[in-house]
Amino acid sequence: MTGGSLKAVGWARSFPAAGGARAGRHWTREHLATLGWTADAPGTVDDVLLTVSELVTNAHVHAHTSADLVLTWDGSRLHVSVHDRDDEVPVARLPEWSATGGRGLLLVNAVADHCHARTQAKGKTITACFTPPGGEQAEPSPNLPGRPGPDRATRGKRRATTCC
């Protein structure tokens, strides 16, 4: 913290099961535009929108609840958190090659710099963090259990960050 002040901004909204993922993406894109990300970091915007879509959909499909989406920008990282009312923590898994679903957490782990799940008194929150190009970098950190494959650094993308 420099100069004794912290500059951060955040937004929160609840999305019901009907149309929630689409509405969540639209709402998120509007807020990322206020940060200048749509022009300056379009690839990161795509990663964030994919994450919002997957996490909101998981809340609807697996937890059978609305999805509470919170975006927090702390000046160096964007934290994307989705809360639902199911306290079962998801585990990323490798689905059968012919399966039409089951890849959501794999996708989130592939595009986010860091991701974790935390249980709470009434449900769980999954948070994925993103650093825009040119942002602060740190050493890779472990993601959700069951993360397969190489980390982002070995694939030539942004390095994982410890942000949450």
Protein backbone atom coordinates (compact mmCIF):
# COMPACT_ATOMS: atom_id res chain seq x y z
CA MET A 1 0.00 0.00 0.00
CA THR A 2 1.54 3.27 -1.09
CA GLY A 3 0.80 6.61 0.53
CA GLY A 4 -1.55 5.08 3.09
CA SER A 5 -4.43 4.60 0.66
CA LEU A 6 -5.90 1.68 -1.18
CA LYS A 7 -7.67 2.22 -4.47
CA ALA A 8 -10.06 -0.54 -5.42
CA VAL A 9 -13.41 -0.87 -7.11
CA GLY A 10 -15.96 -3.63 -7.06
CA TRP A 11 -19.35 -4.62 -8.38
CA ALA A 12 -21.82 -7.28 -7.25
CA ARG A 13 -25.00 -8.76 -8.68
CA SER A 14 -27.09 -11.89 -8.30
CA PHE A 15 -28.08 -13.85 -11.42
CA PRO A 16 -31.05 -16.24 -11.39
CA ALA A 17 -30.88 -19.57 -13.21
CA ALA A 18 -32.94 -18.39 -16.19
CA GLY A 19 -30.52 -16.59 -18.52
CA GLY A 20 -28.00 -15.96 -15.76
CA ALA A 21 -24.83 -16.93 -17.61
CA ARG A 22 -25.61 -14.73 -20.61
CA ALA A 23 -26.65 -11.81 -18.39
CA GLY A 24 -23.52 -12.32 -16.27
CA ARG A 25 -21.26 -12.11 -19.31
CA HIS A 26 -22.98 -8.96 -20.56
CA TRP A 27 -22.85 -7.31 -17.11
CA THR A 28 -19.18 -8.25 -16.69
CA ARG A 29 -18.22 -6.92 -20.15
CA GLU A 30 -19.77 -3.55 -19.26
CA HIS A 31 -17.67 -3.31 -16.10
CA LEU A 32 -14.47 -4.42 -17.81
CA ALA A 33 -15.04 -1.66 -20.37
CA THR A 34 -15.00 0.91 -17.54
CA LEU A 35 -11.53 -0.37 -16.64
CA GLY A 36 -10.35 -0.01 -20.24
CA TRP A 37 -9.80 -3.75 -20.58
CA THR A 38 -11.92 -4.23 -23.71
CA ALA A 39 -9.48 -2.04 -25.66
CA ASP A 40 -6.24 -2.77 -23.77
CA ALA A 41 -6.61 -6.47 -22.91
CA PRO A 42 -9.18 -8.13 -25.19
CA GLY A 43 -7.70 -11.60 -24.66
CA THR A 44 -7.97 -11.23 -20.90
CA VAL A 45 -11.55 -10.00 -21.32
CA ASP A 46 -12.35 -13.19 -23.24
CA ASP A 47 -10.78 -15.27 -20.43
CA VAL A 48 -12.81 -13.41 -17.78
CA LEU A 49 -16.06 -13.80 -19.74
CA LEU A 50 -15.45 -17.53 -20.21
CA THR A 51 -14.82 -17.84 -16.47
CA VAL A 52 -17.99 -15.92 -15.57
CA SER A 53 -20.00 -18.11 -17.93
CA GLU A 54 -18.61 -21.35 -16.52
CA LEU A 55 -18.87 -20.41 -12.84
CA VAL A 56 -22.38 -18.96 -13.12
CA THR A 57 -23.52 -22.00 -15.10
CA ASN A 58 -22.02 -24.33 -12.49
CA ALA A 59 -23.93 -22.52 -9.73
CA HIS A 60 -27.17 -22.98 -11.65
CA VAL A 61 -26.65 -26.54 -12.88
CA HIS A 62 -24.86 -28.18 -9.94
CA ALA A 63 -25.95 -26.12 -6.93
CA HIS A 64 -29.45 -25.37 -8.27
CA THR A 65 -29.24 -21.83 -6.89
CA SER A 66 -28.81 -18.31 -8.12
CA ALA A 67 -25.24 -17.16 -8.66
CA ASP A 68 -23.90 -14.16 -6.75
CA LEU A 69 -21.17 -12.63 -8.91
CA VAL A 70 -18.65 -10.18 -7.47
CA LEU A 71 -15.95 -8.43 -9.51
CA THR A 72 -13.18 -6.69 -7.58
CA TRP A 73 -10.36 -4.71 -9.21
CA ASP A 74 -7.56 -3.87 -6.76
CA GLY A 75 -5.38 -1.98 -9.20
CA SER A 76 -3.29 -4.95 -10.25
CA ARG A 77 -5.64 -7.95 -10.37
CA LEU A 78 -9.27 -8.65 -11.12
CA HIS A 79 -10.93 -11.07 -8.71
CA VAL A 80 -14.00 -12.84 -10.15
CA SER A 81 -16.00 -14.55 -7.39
CA VAL A 82 -19.16 -16.60 -7.75
CA HIS A 83 -21.07 -17.71 -4.66
CA ASP A 84 -23.81 -20.35 -4.56
CA ARG A 85 -25.74 -22.04 -1.75
CA ASP A 86 -24.19 -25.51 -2.10
CA ASP A 87 -21.32 -26.23 0.28
CA GLU A 88 -19.83 -29.03 -1.83
CA VAL A 89 -16.49 -27.86 -3.25
CA PRO A 90 -16.09 -28.83 -6.91
CA VAL A 91 -13.16 -30.84 -8.18
CA ALA A 92 -11.77 -30.40 -11.66
CA ARG A 93 -11.80 -33.72 -13.49
CA LEU A 94 -11.02 -35.13 -16.89
CA PRO A 95 -14.34 -36.10 -18.51
CA GLU A 96 -14.73 -38.85 -21.06
CA TRP A 97 -13.67 -37.54 -24.47
CA SER A 98 -17.22 -37.89 -25.81
CA ALA A 99 -18.89 -36.14 -22.85
CA THR A 100 -20.76 -32.93 -23.69
CA GLY A 101 -20.01 -31.34 -20.31
CA GLY A 102 -17.70 -31.54 -17.34
CA ARG A 103 -14.95 -29.25 -18.60
CA GLY A 104 -15.91 -26.00 -16.89
CA LEU A 105 -13.34 -26.03 -14.09
CA LEU A 106 -10.65 -27.25 -16.49
CA LEU A 107 -11.36 -24.22 -18.66
CA VAL A 108 -11.33 -21.84 -15.70
CA ASN A 109 -8.03 -23.30 -14.48
CA ALA A 110 -6.60 -22.97 -17.99
CA VAL A 111 -7.39 -19.27 -18.39
CA ALA A 112 -7.22 -17.85 -14.84
CA ASP A 113 -3.95 -16.87 -13.17
CA HIS A 114 -5.15 -18.38 -9.90
CA CYS A 115 -8.35 -20.06 -8.79
CA HIS A 116 -9.61 -21.43 -5.51
CA ALA A 117 -12.81 -22.52 -3.79
CA ARG A 118 -13.78 -21.67 -0.23
CA THR A 119 -16.68 -23.08 1.77
CA GLN A 120 -18.73 -20.78 3.95
CA ALA A 121 -21.61 -21.09 6.40
CA LYS A 122 -24.17 -21.05 3.58
CA GLY A 123 -22.49 -22.38 0.46
CA LYS A 124 -19.21 -21.82 -1.30
CA THR A 125 -17.40 -19.18 -3.30
CA ILE A 126 -15.11 -19.86 -6.21
CA THR A 127 -12.69 -17.06 -7.03
CA ALA A 128 -10.57 -16.76 -10.15
CA CYS A 129 -7.98 -14.00 -10.49
CA PHE A 130 -6.68 -12.28 -13.61
CA THR A 131 -3.73 -9.97 -14.21
CA PRO A 132 -3.94 -7.92 -17.41
CA PRO A 133 -0.94 -7.91 -19.76
CA GLY A 134 1.84 -5.79 -18.27
CA GLY A 135 0.46 -6.36 -14.76
CA GLU A 136 2.31 -7.60 -11.71
CA GLN A 137 3.66 -11.15 -11.94
CA ALA A 138 4.44 -13.69 -9.25
CA GLU A 139 5.40 -17.35 -8.92
CA PRO A 140 2.82 -19.98 -9.89
CA SER A 141 0.42 -21.06 -7.17
CA PRO A 142 -1.66 -24.24 -6.90
CA ASN A 143 -5.16 -24.08 -8.32
CA LEU A 144 -8.28 -26.10 -7.67
CA PRO A 145 -7.68 -29.79 -6.87
CA GLY A 146 -7.36 -32.01 -9.89
CA ARG A 147 -5.84 -29.42 -12.21
CA PRO A 148 -4.37 -31.39 -15.11
CA GLY A 149 -1.65 -30.50 -17.56
CA PRO A 150 1.07 -27.85 -17.63
CA ASP A 151 0.69 -24.51 -15.91
CA ARG A 152 0.23 -21.28 -17.82
CA ALA A 153 3.93 -20.38 -17.75
CA THR A 154 4.91 -23.50 -19.68
CA ARG A 155 2.28 -22.78 -22.32
CA GLY A 156 3.68 -19.31 -23.00
CA LYS A 157 0.83 -17.38 -21.38
CA ARG A 158 0.71 -15.16 -18.31
CA ARG A 159 2.30 -16.74 -15.25
CA ALA A 160 0.06 -17.77 -12.41
CA THR A 161 -0.20 -15.25 -9.60
CA THR A 162 -0.93 -15.55 -5.94
CA CYS A 163 -3.70 -13.05 -5.60
CA CYS A 164 -6.39 -14.36 -3.33
